[in-house]
Protein backbone atom coordinates (compact mmCIF):
# COMPACT_ATOMS: atom_id res chain seq x y z
CA UNK A 1 -17.51 -8.80 21.64
CA UNK A 2 -16.50 -9.09 25.50
CA UNK A 3 -15.20 -6.44 27.36
CA UNK A 4 -11.87 -7.99 27.63
CA UNK A 5 -11.64 -8.43 23.78
CA UNK A 6 -12.73 -4.63 23.23
CA UNK A 7 -10.18 -3.54 25.89
CA UNK A 8 -7.42 -5.60 24.20
CA UNK A 9 -8.38 -4.25 20.70
CA UNK A 10 -8.50 -0.67 21.88
CA UNK A 11 -4.95 -1.12 23.55
CA UNK A 12 -3.81 -2.36 20.23
CA UNK A 13 -5.52 0.57 18.29
CA UNK A 14 -3.92 3.16 20.78
CA UNK A 15 -0.52 1.75 20.58
CA UNK A 16 -0.41 1.72 16.84
CA UNK A 17 -1.67 5.09 16.80
CA UNK A 18 1.30 5.87 19.22
CA UNK A 19 3.76 4.44 16.77
CA UNK A 20 4.17 1.26 19.02
CA UNK A 21 3.56 -1.38 16.37
CA UNK A 22 5.35 -4.14 18.15
CA UNK A 23 3.12 -3.67 21.36
CA UNK A 24 0.10 -3.16 19.11
CA UNK A 25 0.49 -6.41 17.41
CA UNK A 26 1.07 -8.06 20.92
CA UNK A 27 -2.51 -6.60 21.82
CA UNK A 28 -3.95 -7.62 18.26
CA UNK A 29 -2.61 -11.19 18.75
CA UNK A 30 -4.57 -11.31 22.24
CA UNK A 31 -8.00 -10.44 20.42
CA UNK A 32 -6.95 -13.16 17.71
CA UNK A 33 -6.43 -15.95 20.18
CA UNK A 34 -9.67 -15.32 21.52
CA UNK A 35 -11.46 -14.61 18.38
CA UNK A 36 -9.47 -15.77 15.20
CA UNK A 37 -12.22 -14.51 12.83
CA UNK A 38 -11.92 -10.70 14.23
CA UNK A 39 -11.38 -8.92 10.84
CA UNK A 40 -10.83 -5.43 12.73
CA UNK A 41 -7.95 -7.23 14.32
CA UNK A 42 -6.49 -8.99 11.67
CA UNK A 43 -6.66 -5.48 9.28
CA UNK A 44 -5.00 -3.56 12.30
CA UNK A 45 -2.36 -6.09 12.84
CA UNK A 46 -1.90 -6.25 9.03
CA UNK A 47 -1.22 -2.26 9.16
CA UNK A 48 1.19 -2.72 12.26
CA UNK A 49 3.06 -5.07 10.41
CA UNK A 50 3.20 -3.08 7.22
CA UNK A 51 4.65 -0.15 9.37
CA UNK A 52 7.28 -2.42 10.83
CA UNK A 53 8.30 -3.58 7.23
CA UNK A 54 7.03 -6.87 7.20
CA UNK A 55 4.76 -7.05 3.93
CA UNK A 56 4.75 -10.75 3.69
CA UNK A 57 3.22 -11.24 7.29
CA UNK A 58 0.69 -8.15 6.63
CA UNK A 59 -0.25 -9.69 3.49
CA UNK A 60 -1.47 -12.87 5.35
CA UNK A 61 -3.43 -10.80 7.76
CA UNK A 62 -5.25 -8.82 4.98
CA UNK A 63 -5.84 -12.03 3.08
CA UNK A 64 -7.57 -13.60 6.17
CA UNK A 65 -9.35 -10.44 6.54
CA UNK A 66 -10.80 -10.48 2.93
CA UNK A 67 -11.76 -14.33 3.39
CA UNK A 68 -13.95 -13.38 6.25
CA UNK A 69 -15.27 -9.86 5.04
CA UNK A 70 -14.88 -9.89 1.26
CA UNK A 71 -16.89 -6.63 1.25
CA UNK A 72 -14.18 -4.40 2.82
CA UNK A 73 -12.59 -2.50 0.21
CA UNK A 74 -9.58 -1.31 2.67
CA UNK A 75 -8.37 -4.62 2.88
CA UNK A 76 -8.07 -5.32 -0.87
CA UNK A 77 -6.18 -1.93 -0.97
CA UNK A 78 -3.83 -2.77 1.96
CA UNK A 79 -3.33 -6.13 0.47
CA UNK A 80 -2.53 -4.64 -2.82
CA UNK A 81 -0.03 -2.33 -1.26
CA UNK A 82 1.76 -5.29 0.44
CA UNK A 83 2.04 -7.25 -3.10
CA UNK A 84 3.61 -3.98 -4.72
CA UNK A 85 6.03 -3.86 -2.00
CA UNK A 86 6.86 -7.64 -2.69
CA UNK A 87 7.15 -6.62 -6.20
CA UNK A 88 3.95 -8.41 -7.57
CA UNK A 89 2.50 -5.61 -9.49
CA UNK A 90 0.13 -7.97 -11.24
CA UNK A 91 -1.26 -9.43 -8.03
CA UNK A 92 -1.52 -5.75 -6.74
CA UNK A 93 -3.53 -4.40 -9.64
CA UNK A 94 -5.89 -7.19 -9.45
CA UNK A 95 -6.41 -6.38 -5.66
CA UNK A 96 -6.77 -2.73 -6.39
CA UNK A 97 -9.32 -3.28 -8.84
CA UNK A 98 -11.49 -5.19 -6.52
CA UNK A 99 -11.00 -2.75 -4.06
CA UNK A 100 -12.26 0.24 -6.43
CA UNK A 101 -15.23 -1.86 -7.46
CA UNK A 102 -16.16 -2.22 -3.94
CA UNK A 103 -15.62 1.62 -3.35
CA UNK A 104 -15.99 3.31 -6.47
CA UNK A 105 -15.52 6.79 -5.10
CA UNK A 106 -13.02 8.93 -7.15
CA UNK A 107 -11.54 10.27 -4.04
CA UNK A 108 -11.21 6.78 -2.88
CA UNK A 109 -8.85 5.93 -6.22
CA UNK A 110 -6.87 9.32 -5.91
CA UNK A 111 -6.13 8.46 -2.21
CA UNK A 112 -4.91 4.75 -3.08
CA UNK A 113 -2.75 6.38 -5.89
CA UNK A 114 -1.01 8.83 -3.42
CA UNK A 115 -0.34 5.85 -1.32
CA UNK A 116 1.03 3.92 -4.05
CA UNK A 117 3.22 6.87 -5.03
CA UNK A 118 4.43 7.09 -1.58
CA UNK A 119 5.36 3.51 -1.44
CA UNK A 120 7.44 4.04 -5.03
CA UNK A 121 9.18 6.69 -3.18
CA UNK A 122 9.99 4.55 -0.15
CA UNK A 123 11.16 1.67 -2.49
CA UNK A 124 14.03 3.97 -3.85
CA UNK A 125 15.10 5.07 -0.54
CA UNK A 126 15.47 1.60 0.89
CA UNK A 127 19.10 2.04 0.95
CA UNK A 128 21.71 -0.54 -0.64
CA UNK A 129 20.08 -3.79 -0.04
CA UNK A 130 19.20 -3.94 -3.65
CA UNK A 131 21.16 -2.73 -6.79
CA UNK A 132 20.03 0.65 -8.01
CA UNK A 133 18.64 -0.60 -11.40
CA UNK A 134 16.49 -3.23 -9.32
CA UNK A 135 15.27 -0.51 -6.88
CA UNK A 136 14.14 1.55 -9.88
CA UNK A 137 12.46 -1.40 -11.72
CA UNK A 138 10.50 -2.17 -8.58
CA UNK A 139 9.68 1.39 -7.98
CA UNK A 140 8.52 2.07 -11.56
CA UNK A 141 5.67 -0.44 -11.00
CA UNK A 142 4.43 1.59 -8.17
CA UNK A 143 4.60 4.94 -9.98
CA UNK A 144 2.85 3.35 -13.08
CA UNK A 145 -0.11 2.10 -11.06
CA UNK A 146 -0.10 5.47 -9.23
CA UNK A 147 -0.58 7.22 -12.45
CA UNK A 148 -2.90 4.80 -14.09
CA UNK A 149 -5.15 5.33 -10.98
CA UNK A 150 -4.82 9.05 -10.85
CA UNK A 151 -3.95 9.96 -14.62
CA UNK A 152 -3.58 13.74 -13.59
CA UNK A 153 -0.70 12.92 -10.89
CA UNK A 154 2.01 15.27 -11.90
CA UNK A 155 4.42 13.97 -9.34
CA UNK A 156 3.95 10.08 -10.70
CA UNK A 157 4.63 11.30 -14.02
CA UNK A 158 7.69 13.19 -13.11
CA UNK A 159 8.92 10.11 -10.80
CA UNK A 160 8.30 7.92 -13.91
CA UNK A 161 10.60 10.39 -16.09
CA UNK A 162 13.19 10.04 -13.35
CA UNK A 163 12.76 6.20 -13.19
CA UNK A 164 13.28 5.78 -16.86
CA UNK A 165 16.18 8.09 -16.88
CA UNK A 166 18.10 6.03 -14.25
CA UNK A 167 17.01 2.66 -16.20
CA UNK A 168 18.61 4.33 -19.19
CA UNK A 169 15.70 4.68 -21.75
CA UNK A 170 15.70 8.15 -22.48
CA UNK A 171 12.82 7.94 -25.00
CA UNK A 172 10.41 6.96 -22.00
CA UNK A 173 11.90 9.44 -19.82
CA UNK A 174 11.16 12.28 -22.26
CA UNK A 175 7.53 10.91 -22.55
CA UNK A 176 6.92 11.27 -18.86
CA UNK A 177 8.51 14.40 -18.63
CA UNK A 178 6.21 15.82 -21.65
CA UNK A 179 3.43 14.24 -19.85
CA UNK A 180 4.25 15.94 -16.49
CA UNK A 181 4.40 19.27 -18.34
CA UNK A 182 0.97 19.07 -20.08
CA UNK A 183 -0.63 18.14 -16.78
CA UNK A 184 -2.27 20.93 -14.81
CA UNK A 185 -2.54 20.83 -11.08
CA UNK A 186 -6.13 20.35 -9.99
CA UNK A 187 -7.75 23.71 -8.67
């Protein structure tokens, strides 16, 4: 990598870390203009797009990075989070399974579950753009995946109880409340 490309990439990383994702994307675009196969720039651009609430564009970056380097688990995980935000839980699940094949560490799976849970919470607080029931159905997918990938995640079980309560299914709400009560915090 040339010094110019490295400087542009580092500028993008620094701007992204400072929260200036728009400027970071411009820097990553400079890198990608010179080297469209620069997977770290594709991944980093996808991350910044995600932070700007542009999951469809971010997904394209992560998919391109996966095509160029199918051995990087994080690109699958990040693409899955985009798919989940776009309300495509089946596609997200497939991508997550591939990420977990590439990185089978238990802690990686649990960290992904925490990220997924955070996304579910964010989906519930996105404001009045969608009717309440639609938001709860969308968030439900995230909370279900979080609990699937981290079966002792008490907060995910509680969130599912709350979601099912808002969706009018008291039986499922009660099931997840009981599950949360049976789960014990790690440690």
